[in-house]
Amino acid sequence: MVDTLMEKLHLPILIEIDEDGLYIVSCPLFKGCHSWGESIDDAMKNITEVIEMCLEETKIENLNTFVGFRELEVVSDAKASCD
């Protein structure tokens, strides 16, 4: 009988809404770990699958270090556009 050790990971997930109303999710501990969904629940289910794929290729010891996020206030010209 093989004894498999399972480790629970608590991973930070960033959630945004794009211009089309889709939920964009990413896990900053992995490079390129992003997904999306039409609801937060869908997006979380999808990012879970992506994280599982990332874990197949990345050792836990080699994960990026998530420090946190900070809010930055900037003044923008209301007439300016990013188009």
Protein backbone atom coordinates (compact mmCIF):
# COMPACT_ATOMS: atom_id res chain seq x y z
CA MET A 1 0.00 0.00 0.00
CA VAL A 2 1.39 3.41 -1.02
CA ASP A 3 0.94 6.16 1.51
CA THR A 4 0.41 9.48 -0.29
CA LEU A 5 0.91 12.68 1.64
CA MET A 6 -1.51 15.39 0.65
CA GLU A 7 -0.76 18.98 1.53
CA LYS A 8 -3.49 21.60 1.63
CA LEU A 9 -2.47 24.86 0.03
CA HIS A 10 -4.13 28.18 0.66
CA LEU A 11 -3.50 30.21 -2.48
CA PRO A 12 -4.24 33.87 -3.18
CA ILE A 13 -6.62 34.43 -6.09
CA LEU A 14 -7.06 37.83 -7.71
CA ILE A 15 -10.49 38.48 -9.23
CA GLU A 16 -11.31 41.19 -11.74
CA ILE A 17 -14.23 41.95 -14.05
CA ASP A 18 -13.29 42.76 -17.63
CA GLU A 19 -15.03 45.11 -20.06
CA ASP A 20 -17.35 42.28 -21.20
CA GLY A 21 -18.48 41.47 -17.64
CA LEU A 22 -16.42 38.26 -17.42
CA TYR A 23 -14.59 37.37 -14.21
CA ILE A 24 -10.84 37.14 -14.76
CA VAL A 25 -8.97 35.20 -12.07
CA SER A 26 -5.29 34.63 -11.51
CA CYS A 27 -3.02 33.04 -8.94
CA PRO A 28 0.15 35.14 -8.55
CA LEU A 29 2.12 32.22 -7.09
CA PHE A 30 2.37 30.64 -10.54
CA LYS A 31 3.65 32.24 -13.74
CA GLY A 32 0.86 32.55 -16.30
CA CYS A 33 -1.84 31.08 -14.04
CA HIS A 34 -5.02 32.77 -15.28
CA SER A 35 -8.55 31.78 -16.18
CA TRP A 36 -12.02 33.25 -16.48
CA GLY A 37 -15.70 32.52 -16.03
CA GLU A 38 -19.12 34.04 -16.50
CA SER A 39 -19.59 33.97 -12.70
CA ILE A 40 -17.16 33.99 -9.79
CA ASP A 41 -18.03 30.34 -9.09
CA ASP A 42 -17.26 29.37 -12.71
CA ALA A 43 -14.02 31.34 -12.65
CA MET A 44 -12.94 29.72 -9.36
CA LYS A 45 -13.70 26.25 -10.73
CA ASN A 46 -11.66 27.03 -13.85
CA ILE A 47 -8.67 28.47 -11.96
CA THR A 48 -8.68 25.37 -9.72
CA GLU A 49 -8.16 23.24 -12.83
CA VAL A 50 -5.37 25.54 -14.04
CA ILE A 51 -3.68 25.43 -10.62
CA GLU A 52 -3.80 21.63 -10.65
CA MET A 53 -2.00 21.69 -14.02
CA CYS A 54 0.54 24.19 -12.69
CA LEU A 55 1.21 21.98 -9.67
CA GLU A 56 2.07 19.09 -12.01
CA GLU A 57 4.93 21.21 -13.41
CA THR A 58 6.00 23.30 -10.40
CA LYS A 59 7.34 22.11 -7.07
CA ILE A 60 5.71 23.78 -4.08
CA GLU A 61 9.14 24.96 -2.92
CA ASN A 62 9.56 26.89 -6.21
CA LEU A 63 6.35 28.93 -6.07
CA ASN A 64 6.51 32.70 -6.33
CA THR A 65 6.10 34.55 -3.04
CA PHE A 66 2.88 36.55 -2.82
CA VAL A 67 3.49 39.59 -0.68
CA GLY A 68 0.08 41.22 -0.95
CA PHE A 69 -1.45 44.04 -2.85
CA ARG A 70 -1.56 47.75 -2.26
CA GLU A 71 -3.87 50.38 -3.52
CA LEU A 72 -2.27 53.31 -5.30
CA GLU A 73 -4.05 56.58 -5.89
CA VAL A 74 -3.32 58.32 -9.20
CA VAL A 75 -4.93 61.33 -10.78
CA SER A 76 -6.21 60.79 -14.27
CA ASP A 77 -7.51 63.19 -16.86
CA ALA A 78 -11.20 62.35 -17.35
CA LYS A 79 -10.79 63.11 -21.07
CA ALA A 80 -7.92 60.67 -21.50
CA SER A 81 -8.59 57.21 -22.89
CA CYS A 82 -6.63 53.95 -22.95
CA ASP A 83 -7.98 52.97 -26.38
